[in-house]
Amino acid sequence: MTPGATGSVVTMHIGELAEKTGLSLRTIRHYDEVIDLRQGGGADADNVESRHQLDAFITDTVTRRQRLQDQLGMADEFLALLCAQ
């Protein structure tokens, strides 16, 4: 959700988010569940587990981002080769 120009909240449908991010609906729903668990607060076992899930999500996101960055670097290199022709 992002603030709109009038201060209202603009929501994005899950299908639109999946399309924009390249993530599956299942993955987005899983991440949403993890975030919901984290926002529940408390120091019980469920919260500890949700923290582990969130940490795993962060690690996975960093890995995916690095993979995309590497692919972008290869695409830039390929484009430079094409432009040099």
C-alpha atoms as a PDB file:
ATOM      1  CA  MET A   1       0.000   0.000   0.000  1.00  0.00           C
ATOM      2  CA  THR A   2       1.198   3.471  -0.812  1.00  0.00           C
ATOM      3  CA  PRO A   3      -0.165   6.849   0.182  1.00  0.00           C
ATOM      4  CA  GLY A   4      -2.157   8.545  -2.532  1.00  0.00           C
ATOM      5  CA  ALA A   5      -1.955  12.199  -3.483  1.00  0.00           C
ATOM      6  CA  THR A   6      -4.862  13.048  -1.184  1.00  0.00           C
ATOM      7  CA  GLY A   7      -3.459  11.126   1.776  1.00  0.00           C
ATOM      8  CA  SER A   8      -5.673   8.115   1.134  1.00  0.00           C
ATOM      9  CA  VAL A   9      -4.185   4.655   0.843  1.00  0.00           C
ATOM     10  CA  VAL A  10      -3.945   3.087  -2.597  1.00  0.00           C
ATOM     11  CA  THR A  11      -4.033  -0.707  -2.594  1.00  0.00           C
ATOM     12  CA  MET A  12      -2.671  -3.102  -5.171  1.00  0.00           C
ATOM     13  CA  HIS A  13      -4.388  -6.367  -6.021  1.00  0.00           C
ATOM     14  CA  ILE A  14      -2.336  -9.495  -5.455  1.00  0.00           C
ATOM     15  CA  GLY A  15      -2.386 -10.414  -9.157  1.00  0.00           C
ATOM     16  CA  GLU A  16      -0.990  -7.002 -10.080  1.00  0.00           C
ATOM     17  CA  LEU A  17       1.735  -7.366  -7.448  1.00  0.00           C
ATOM     18  CA  ALA A  18       2.610 -10.837  -8.754  1.00  0.00           C
ATOM     19  CA  GLU A  19       2.874  -9.504 -12.292  1.00  0.00           C
ATOM     20  CA  LYS A  20       5.036  -6.525 -11.296  1.00  0.00           C
ATOM     21  CA  THR A  21       7.395  -8.536  -9.084  1.00  0.00           C
ATOM     22  CA  GLY A  22       7.544 -11.785 -11.021  1.00  0.00           C
ATOM     23  CA  LEU A  23       6.607 -13.713  -7.868  1.00  0.00           C
ATOM     24  CA  SER A  24       3.909 -16.376  -7.783  1.00  0.00           C
ATOM     25  CA  LEU A  25       0.612 -15.768  -6.009  1.00  0.00           C
ATOM     26  CA  ARG A  26       1.506 -18.582  -3.616  1.00  0.00           C
ATOM     27  CA  THR A  27       4.807 -16.925  -2.706  1.00  0.00           C
ATOM     28  CA  ILE A  28       3.177 -13.550  -2.132  1.00  0.00           C
ATOM     29  CA  ARG A  29       0.494 -15.105   0.066  1.00  0.00           C
ATOM     30  CA  HIS A  30       3.176 -16.906   2.083  1.00  0.00           C
ATOM     31  CA  TYR A  31       5.151 -13.697   2.579  1.00  0.00           C
ATOM     32  CA  ASP A  32       1.967 -11.883   3.557  1.00  0.00           C
ATOM     33  CA  GLU A  33       1.289 -14.533   6.212  1.00  0.00           C
ATOM     34  CA  VAL A  34       4.812 -14.138   7.590  1.00  0.00           C
ATOM     35  CA  ILE A  35       4.418 -10.365   7.786  1.00  0.00           C
ATOM     36  CA  ASP A  36       1.026 -10.756   9.488  1.00  0.00           C
ATOM     37  CA  LEU A  37       2.620 -13.067  12.059  1.00  0.00           C
ATOM     38  CA  ARG A  38       5.431 -10.566  12.674  1.00  0.00           C
ATOM     39  CA  GLN A  39       3.017  -7.724  13.243  1.00  0.00           C
ATOM     40  CA  GLY A  40       1.250  -9.810  15.901  1.00  0.00           C
ATOM     41  CA  GLY A  41       4.086  -9.069  18.342  1.00  0.00           C
ATOM     42  CA  GLY A  42       4.826 -10.869  21.570  1.00  0.00           C
ATOM     43  CA  ALA A  43       7.720 -13.135  22.557  1.00  0.00           C
ATOM     44  CA  ASP A  44       6.030 -16.523  22.360  1.00  0.00           C
ATOM     45  CA  ALA A  45       7.117 -19.520  20.292  1.00  0.00           C
ATOM     46  CA  ASP A  46       4.917 -18.498  17.349  1.00  0.00           C
ATOM     47  CA  ASN A  47       6.637 -15.116  17.241  1.00  0.00           C
ATOM     48  CA  VAL A  48      10.076 -16.742  17.330  1.00  0.00           C
ATOM     49  CA  GLU A  49       9.057 -18.995  14.448  1.00  0.00           C
ATOM     50  CA  SER A  50       7.666 -16.057  12.495  1.00  0.00           C
ATOM     51  CA  ARG A  51      10.970 -14.210  13.024  1.00  0.00           C
ATOM     52  CA  HIS A  52      12.817 -17.211  11.587  1.00  0.00           C
ATOM     53  CA  GLN A  53      10.434 -17.240   8.626  1.00  0.00           C
ATOM     54  CA  LEU A  54      10.949 -13.510   8.099  1.00  0.00           C
ATOM     55  CA  ASP A  55      14.731 -13.922   8.282  1.00  0.00           C
ATOM     56  CA  ALA A  56      14.523 -16.696   5.686  1.00  0.00           C
ATOM     57  CA  PHE A  57      12.367 -14.457   3.503  1.00  0.00           C
ATOM     58  CA  ILE A  58      14.918 -11.652   3.755  1.00  0.00           C
ATOM     59  CA  THR A  59      17.763 -14.024   2.861  1.00  0.00           C
ATOM     60  CA  ASP A  60      15.784 -15.377  -0.094  1.00  0.00           C
ATOM     61  CA  THR A  61      14.978 -11.840  -1.260  1.00  0.00           C
ATOM     62  CA  VAL A  62      18.642 -10.812  -1.101  1.00  0.00           C
ATOM     63  CA  THR A  63      19.586 -13.913  -3.100  1.00  0.00           C
ATOM     64  CA  ARG A  64      16.914 -13.246  -5.734  1.00  0.00           C
ATOM     65  CA  ARG A  65      17.968  -9.611  -5.986  1.00  0.00           C
ATOM     66  CA  GLN A  66      21.605 -10.596  -6.487  1.00  0.00           C
ATOM     67  CA  ARG A  67      20.616 -13.072  -9.200  1.00  0.00           C
ATOM     68  CA  LEU A  68      18.636 -10.348 -10.980  1.00  0.00           C
ATOM     69  CA  GLN A  69      21.532  -7.920 -10.622  1.00  0.00           C
ATOM     70  CA  ASP A  70      23.892 -10.497 -12.155  1.00  0.00           C
ATOM     71  CA  GLN A  71      21.475 -11.087 -15.028  1.00  0.00           C
ATOM     72  CA  LEU A  72      21.198  -7.359 -15.608  1.00  0.00           C
ATOM     73  CA  GLY A  73      24.990  -7.108 -15.733  1.00  0.00           C
ATOM     74  CA  MET A  74      25.095  -9.848 -18.361  1.00  0.00           C
ATOM     75  CA  ALA A  75      22.370  -8.110 -20.360  1.00  0.00           C
ATOM     76  CA  ASP A  76      24.310  -4.829 -20.195  1.00  0.00           C
ATOM     77  CA  GLU A  77      27.445  -6.596 -21.397  1.00  0.00           C
ATOM     78  CA  PHE A  78      25.554  -8.230 -24.262  1.00  0.00           C
ATOM     79  CA  LEU A  79      23.979  -4.902 -25.219  1.00  0.00           C
ATOM     80  CA  ALA A  80      27.404  -3.242 -25.254  1.00  0.00           C
ATOM     81  CA  LEU A  81      28.677  -5.970 -27.588  1.00  0.00           C
ATOM     82  CA  LEU A  82      25.725  -5.469 -29.910  1.00  0.00           C
ATOM     83  CA  CYS A  83      26.161  -1.692 -29.924  1.00  0.00           C
ATOM     84  CA  ALA A  84      29.868  -2.074 -30.727  1.00  0.00           C
ATOM     85  CA  GLN A  85      29.029  -3.903 -33.985  1.00  0.00           C
END
